[in-house]
Protein backbone atom coordinates (compact mmCIF):
# COMPACT_ATOMS: atom_id res chain seq x y z
CA MET A 1 2.39 14.65 2.27
CA ARG A 2 5.91 14.15 0.84
CA LYS A 3 7.46 15.52 4.00
CA VAL A 4 5.57 12.93 6.08
CA LEU A 5 6.71 10.14 3.74
CA TYR A 6 10.35 11.23 3.98
CA LEU A 7 10.08 11.63 7.75
CA THR A 8 8.64 8.11 8.01
CA LEU A 9 11.48 6.74 5.85
CA GLY A 10 13.98 8.53 8.07
CA PHE A 11 12.58 7.03 11.25
CA LEU A 12 12.30 3.54 9.71
CA GLY A 13 15.94 3.82 8.67
CA LEU A 14 16.90 4.98 12.16
CA ILE A 15 15.14 2.03 13.79
CA GLY A 16 16.68 -0.35 11.26
CA SER A 17 20.16 1.05 11.88
CA PHE A 18 19.79 0.51 15.64
CA VAL A 19 18.63 -3.06 15.05
CA GLY A 20 21.42 -3.60 12.51
CA ALA A 21 24.00 -2.35 14.99
CA ALA A 22 22.78 -4.85 17.60
CA VAL A 23 22.15 -7.91 15.40
CA PRO A 24 25.42 -9.25 13.95
CA LEU A 25 24.09 -10.54 10.60
CA LEU A 26 21.80 -7.60 9.82
CA PRO A 27 23.67 -4.82 8.02
CA ALA A 28 23.11 -1.35 9.47
CA PHE A 29 24.70 0.59 6.62
CA PRO A 30 21.71 0.62 4.22
CA PHE A 31 19.47 1.78 7.05
CA VAL A 32 21.84 4.64 7.86
CA VAL A 33 21.65 5.73 4.21
CA LEU A 34 17.85 5.61 4.39
CA THR A 35 17.92 7.72 7.56
CA ILE A 36 20.14 10.37 5.96
CA PHE A 37 17.96 10.43 2.86
CA GLY A 38 14.68 10.70 4.77
CA PHE A 39 15.78 13.27 7.33
CA ALA A 40 17.55 15.47 4.76
CA ARG A 41 14.31 15.84 2.82
CA SER A 42 11.90 16.18 5.74
CA SER A 43 13.42 17.98 8.72
CA GLU A 44 16.50 20.17 8.95
CA ARG A 45 16.54 19.75 12.74
CA LEU A 46 16.51 15.93 12.56
CA HIS A 47 19.05 15.96 9.74
CA ASN A 48 21.41 18.14 11.79
CA TRP A 49 20.88 15.92 14.82
CA PHE A 50 21.66 12.76 12.84
CA GLN A 51 24.81 14.33 11.42
CA SER A 52 26.04 14.81 14.98
CA THR A 53 25.64 11.12 15.89
CA LYS A 54 28.51 8.64 16.21
CA VAL A 55 27.09 6.41 13.46
CA TYR A 56 27.15 9.25 10.94
CA LYS A 57 30.55 10.55 11.97
CA GLU A 58 32.19 7.11 11.82
CA ASN A 59 30.72 6.03 8.49
CA PHE A 60 29.82 9.01 6.34
CA GLU A 61 31.29 12.31 7.45
CA SER A 62 34.80 11.95 6.03
CA TYR A 63 33.52 10.35 2.82
CA LEU A 64 31.00 13.12 2.17
CA LYS A 65 33.71 15.72 2.78
CA GLY A 66 35.77 14.07 0.03
CA GLN A 67 38.46 12.80 2.39
CA GLY A 68 37.79 9.06 2.04
CA MET A 69 36.80 6.28 4.42
CA THR A 70 38.52 4.42 7.23
CA PRO A 71 39.30 0.72 6.71
CA LYS A 72 36.69 -0.16 9.34
CA ALA A 73 33.98 1.88 7.56
CA LYS A 74 34.90 0.30 4.22
CA LEU A 75 34.71 -3.17 5.74
CA ARG A 76 31.28 -2.47 7.24
CA LEU A 77 30.04 -1.18 3.92
CA VAL A 78 31.41 -4.08 1.88
CA VAL A 79 30.00 -6.65 4.34
CA SER A 80 26.60 -4.91 4.33
CA VAL A 81 26.46 -4.78 0.54
CA THR A 82 27.61 -8.40 0.26
CA ILE A 83 24.96 -9.65 2.69
CA THR A 84 22.18 -7.58 1.12
CA ILE A 85 23.05 -8.59 -2.44
CA GLY A 86 23.63 -12.18 -1.31
CA ILE A 87 20.07 -12.34 0.00
CA GLY A 88 18.79 -10.99 -3.31
CA PHE A 89 20.98 -13.48 -5.19
CA TYR A 90 19.53 -16.35 -3.17
CA MET A 91 15.96 -15.12 -3.68
CA MET A 92 16.45 -14.89 -7.45
CA GLY A 93 16.51 -18.68 -7.57
CA PRO A 94 16.91 -19.95 -11.12
CA ILE A 95 16.65 -16.48 -12.76
CA LEU A 96 20.11 -16.33 -14.32
CA LEU A 97 19.84 -12.79 -15.72
CA GLY A 98 18.82 -11.42 -12.31
CA ARG A 99 21.68 -13.21 -10.61
CA LEU A 100 24.18 -11.92 -13.19
CA LEU A 101 22.91 -8.38 -12.70
CA LEU A 102 23.32 -8.66 -8.93
CA VAL A 103 26.86 -10.01 -9.34
CA CYS A 104 27.70 -7.03 -11.59
CA VAL A 105 26.27 -4.58 -9.03
CA TRP A 106 28.20 -6.32 -6.24
CA LEU A 107 31.46 -6.23 -8.20
CA GLY A 108 30.87 -2.56 -9.00
CA HIS A 109 30.50 -1.78 -5.29
CA LEU A 110 33.62 -3.74 -4.42
CA ILE A 111 35.74 -2.10 -7.09
CA TYR A 112 34.51 1.38 -6.26
CA PHE A 113 34.83 1.26 -2.49
CA LEU A 114 37.97 -0.86 -2.25
CA PHE A 115 39.96 0.73 -5.07
CA ARG A 116 38.46 4.13 -5.91
CA VAL A 117 37.54 5.56 -2.49
CA LYS A 118 40.61 6.79 -0.64
CA THR A 119 41.46 4.95 2.57
CA ILE A 120 42.22 7.25 5.50
CA ALA A 121 43.61 6.55 8.96
CA GLU A 122 41.34 6.00 11.94
CA THR A 123 40.96 9.10 14.10
CA ALA A 124 41.25 8.87 17.85
């Protein structure tokens, strides 16, 4: 049953990442993470296939190998996180503690990815 759940999450993430790649305001990055998570826990074949895709190679491969991220990948990630957290911030309405927590999470992401993750050159 768990395998089916993870497989479903992987496919939902895959669909979301395709939609996010096509729709300018919808971030694809969180969906790519969901795809990796779901496929890694459900199907070795699908996980290996996804690791061979352009989306994975451009956004995650170098980071997961400990080499860092390209400026373009960092920008996509920061924009995705900002939009996602911004939506949550808006939906919190007058709940000050929730908004402050989201701001802290957002700042943590910015500091980590902009200043702690090594920036590497784009590969041809």
